[in-house]
Amino acid sequence: LCAKLKTLKIRYKGHTRSDLLTPKRAELMRESGCEECGLGVESADNKVLLINNKKETAEDHVKAIKILRSVGIRAKPYFMAGLPGETDKTLELNKEFMKTCKPEKWTLSTFTPYPGSAVYKAPGLFGVQIINNDWSKWGNFCKDSFNHMLNGQTPEQMWNRYKEFYEFLKEEKWK
């Protein structure tokens, strides 16, 4: 794909998995016109990544950002709040990740266990309860609510953690 894109002489933004990125692939991406690469970090808490079967680690994500930066591609981690297993410790690990990596851009969305997903089919296995079946409240950027609740936590605790991380990111306290 990169060889074909290179012939078009265009600039683009792409996405990849952190565990698949190598220095050689990153160089090929840059040579083909890639200026920014999104990474589905979702969480810097390895426990959360394991529970959600992401098959990547926080260390994979740190390495990928370093690789992208080394070839001149902007890194854009995508975080997700409200994932099964998330705690206040997750928030602190996410903040530390940002302080360590200092990526050029970021996105923070809300986790939504959509019908058909493993979490929706068996929420108890993931420590989740579906609490709102109003589809107008379902989405990855919902305001002031989640459609699920993590066991042992209130929706308010979950939302407060989201807001704290969002403000931290927006105010660039990590730079």
Protein backbone atom coordinates (compact mmCIF):
# COMPACT_ATOMS: atom_id res chain seq x y z
CA LEU A 1 0.00 0.00 0.00
CA CYS A 2 2.75 2.44 0.91
CA ALA A 3 4.54 1.85 -2.40
CA LYS A 4 1.33 2.62 -4.31
CA LEU A 5 0.57 5.72 -2.20
CA LYS A 6 4.12 7.01 -2.75
CA THR A 7 3.47 7.19 -6.50
CA LEU A 8 0.43 9.41 -5.90
CA LYS A 9 2.51 12.04 -4.09
CA ILE A 10 -0.25 12.84 -1.59
CA ARG A 11 -0.20 13.58 2.12
CA TYR A 12 -2.41 11.55 4.40
CA LYS A 13 -3.19 10.48 7.95
CA GLY A 14 -3.28 6.79 8.78
CA HIS A 15 -3.83 4.38 11.63
CA THR A 16 -2.06 1.24 12.77
CA ARG A 17 -1.74 -1.12 15.69
CA SER A 18 1.20 -0.30 17.92
CA ASP A 19 2.38 -3.90 18.04
CA LEU A 20 2.63 -4.01 14.23
CA LEU A 21 4.70 -0.85 13.83
CA THR A 22 8.39 -1.28 13.09
CA PRO A 23 10.97 1.37 12.18
CA LYS A 24 10.98 0.07 8.59
CA ARG A 25 7.18 0.27 8.28
CA ALA A 26 7.16 3.76 9.78
CA GLU A 27 9.80 4.90 7.30
CA LEU A 28 7.77 3.45 4.42
CA MET A 29 4.70 5.26 5.72
CA ARG A 30 6.58 8.58 5.91
CA GLU A 31 8.05 8.15 2.43
CA SER A 32 4.56 7.43 1.08
CA GLY A 33 3.20 10.72 2.45
CA CYS A 34 1.93 9.80 5.91
CA GLU A 35 2.10 12.83 8.21
CA GLU A 36 0.08 11.55 11.18
CA CYS A 37 -0.65 8.11 12.56
CA GLY A 38 -3.41 7.21 14.99
CA LEU A 39 -2.84 4.46 17.51
CA GLY A 40 -5.63 2.71 19.43
CA VAL A 41 -3.96 3.05 22.81
CA GLU A 42 -7.33 3.10 24.61
CA SER A 43 -5.64 2.72 28.03
CA ALA A 44 -2.14 2.83 29.48
CA ASP A 45 -3.24 0.31 32.12
CA ASN A 46 -2.04 -3.15 31.09
CA LYS A 47 -4.69 -4.76 33.30
CA VAL A 48 -7.42 -2.95 31.35
CA LEU A 49 -5.83 -3.88 28.03
CA LEU A 50 -5.72 -7.54 29.09
CA ILE A 51 -9.34 -7.61 30.31
CA ASN A 52 -10.45 -6.10 27.00
CA ASN A 53 -8.37 -8.54 24.92
CA LYS A 54 -6.44 -5.78 23.14
CA LYS A 55 -3.35 -7.96 22.62
CA GLU A 56 -1.10 -4.92 23.07
CA THR A 57 0.60 -3.37 26.08
CA ALA A 58 1.25 0.17 27.22
CA GLU A 59 4.90 -0.52 26.43
CA ASP A 60 3.96 -1.37 22.83
CA HIS A 61 2.26 2.02 22.57
CA VAL A 62 5.22 3.94 24.03
CA LYS A 63 7.54 2.19 21.57
CA ALA A 64 5.25 2.95 18.62
CA ILE A 65 5.11 6.66 19.45
CA LYS A 66 8.92 6.77 19.66
CA ILE A 67 9.18 5.02 16.29
CA LEU A 68 6.75 7.44 14.64
CA ARG A 69 8.53 10.44 16.08
CA SER A 70 11.91 9.09 14.92
CA VAL A 71 10.78 9.21 11.28
CA GLY A 72 8.91 12.52 11.53
CA ILE A 73 5.30 11.28 11.73
CA ARG A 74 2.93 12.86 14.28
CA ALA A 75 1.52 10.34 16.74
CA LYS A 76 -2.13 10.50 17.79
CA PRO A 77 -3.13 8.12 20.59
CA TYR A 78 -6.82 7.31 20.90
CA PHE A 79 -7.93 6.82 24.52
CA MET A 80 -11.22 5.36 25.70
CA ALA A 81 -12.83 6.07 29.07
CA GLY A 82 -15.11 3.60 30.83
CA LEU A 83 -13.45 0.40 29.66
CA PRO A 84 -14.02 -2.73 31.74
CA GLY A 85 -11.43 -2.86 34.52
CA GLU A 86 -10.84 0.91 34.61
CA THR A 87 -10.10 2.44 38.02
CA ASP A 88 -8.63 5.64 39.41
CA LYS A 89 -5.22 3.97 38.98
CA THR A 90 -5.96 3.77 35.24
CA LEU A 91 -6.43 7.53 35.17
CA GLU A 92 -3.01 8.05 36.77
CA LEU A 93 -1.36 5.59 34.37
CA ASN A 94 -2.94 7.40 31.41
CA LYS A 95 -1.61 10.73 32.68
CA GLU A 96 1.87 9.27 33.15
CA PHE A 97 1.75 7.85 29.63
CA MET A 98 1.02 11.30 28.21
CA LYS A 99 3.80 12.88 30.29
CA THR A 100 6.24 10.23 29.05
CA CYS A 101 5.26 10.20 25.37
CA LYS A 102 4.11 13.80 24.81
CA PRO A 103 2.28 12.97 21.58
CA GLU A 104 1.41 15.80 19.23
CA LYS A 105 -2.34 15.06 19.20
CA TRP A 106 -4.87 12.87 21.04
CA THR A 107 -8.51 11.76 21.12
CA LEU A 108 -10.59 10.68 24.12
CA SER A 109 -13.85 8.84 23.58
CA THR A 110 -16.24 6.90 25.77
CA PHE A 111 -16.50 3.12 25.72
CA THR A 112 -19.87 1.81 24.59
CA PRO A 113 -20.64 -1.93 24.69
CA TYR A 114 -22.64 -2.13 21.48
CA PRO A 115 -25.06 -5.00 20.79
CA GLY A 116 -23.16 -7.92 19.34
CA SER A 117 -19.92 -7.11 21.18
CA ALA A 118 -18.50 -9.53 23.75
CA VAL A 119 -19.16 -7.06 26.57
CA TYR A 120 -22.79 -6.57 25.55
CA LYS A 121 -23.38 -10.31 25.19
CA ALA A 122 -21.87 -11.17 28.58
CA PRO A 123 -21.49 -7.99 30.64
CA GLY A 124 -21.02 -9.88 33.90
CA LEU A 125 -17.88 -11.55 32.59
CA PHE A 126 -16.37 -8.08 32.14
CA GLY A 127 -17.59 -6.57 35.42
CA VAL A 128 -20.14 -4.41 33.62
CA GLN A 129 -23.86 -3.70 33.90
CA ILE A 130 -25.83 -2.19 31.01
CA ILE A 131 -27.83 0.59 32.67
CA ASN A 132 -29.36 2.53 29.82
CA ASN A 133 -31.08 1.11 26.76
CA ASP A 134 -31.93 4.55 25.34
CA TRP A 135 -30.11 4.36 22.00
CA SER A 136 -29.93 8.17 21.78
CA LYS A 137 -27.43 7.98 24.65
CA TRP A 138 -25.23 5.40 22.89
CA GLY A 139 -22.12 6.53 21.08
CA ASN A 140 -18.40 7.03 21.47
CA PHE A 141 -18.67 10.70 22.39
CA CYS A 142 -21.70 10.81 24.69
CA LYS A 143 -22.07 13.79 26.99
CA ASP A 144 -22.43 13.32 30.74
CA SER A 145 -23.32 9.63 30.70
CA PHE A 146 -22.32 6.09 29.93
CA ASN A 147 -24.79 3.39 28.93
CA HIS A 148 -23.02 1.00 31.27
CA MET A 149 -21.65 0.93 34.77
CA LEU A 150 -18.47 -0.76 35.97
CA ASN A 151 -19.14 -3.02 38.95
CA GLY A 152 -18.27 -1.33 42.22
CA GLN A 153 -18.37 2.15 40.67
CA THR A 154 -21.09 4.69 40.14
CA PRO A 155 -21.77 6.36 36.79
CA GLU A 156 -20.75 9.63 38.45
CA GLN A 157 -17.36 8.23 39.43
CA MET A 158 -16.83 7.00 35.88
CA TRP A 159 -17.87 10.33 34.39
CA ASN A 160 -15.73 12.33 36.83
CA ARG A 161 -12.70 10.26 35.84
CA TYR A 162 -13.45 10.97 32.16
CA LYS A 163 -13.77 14.72 32.84
CA GLU A 164 -10.55 14.82 34.85
CA PHE A 165 -8.59 13.13 32.08
CA TYR A 166 -10.21 15.27 29.40
CA GLU A 167 -9.29 18.49 31.24
CA PHE A 168 -5.75 17.18 31.78
CA LEU A 169 -5.44 16.53 28.04
CA LYS A 170 -7.12 19.73 26.91
CA GLU A 171 -5.04 21.94 29.18
CA GLU A 172 -1.91 20.12 27.99
CA LYS A 173 -0.69 19.65 31.54
CA TRP A 174 1.37 16.75 30.23
CA LYS A 175 3.61 18.77 27.91
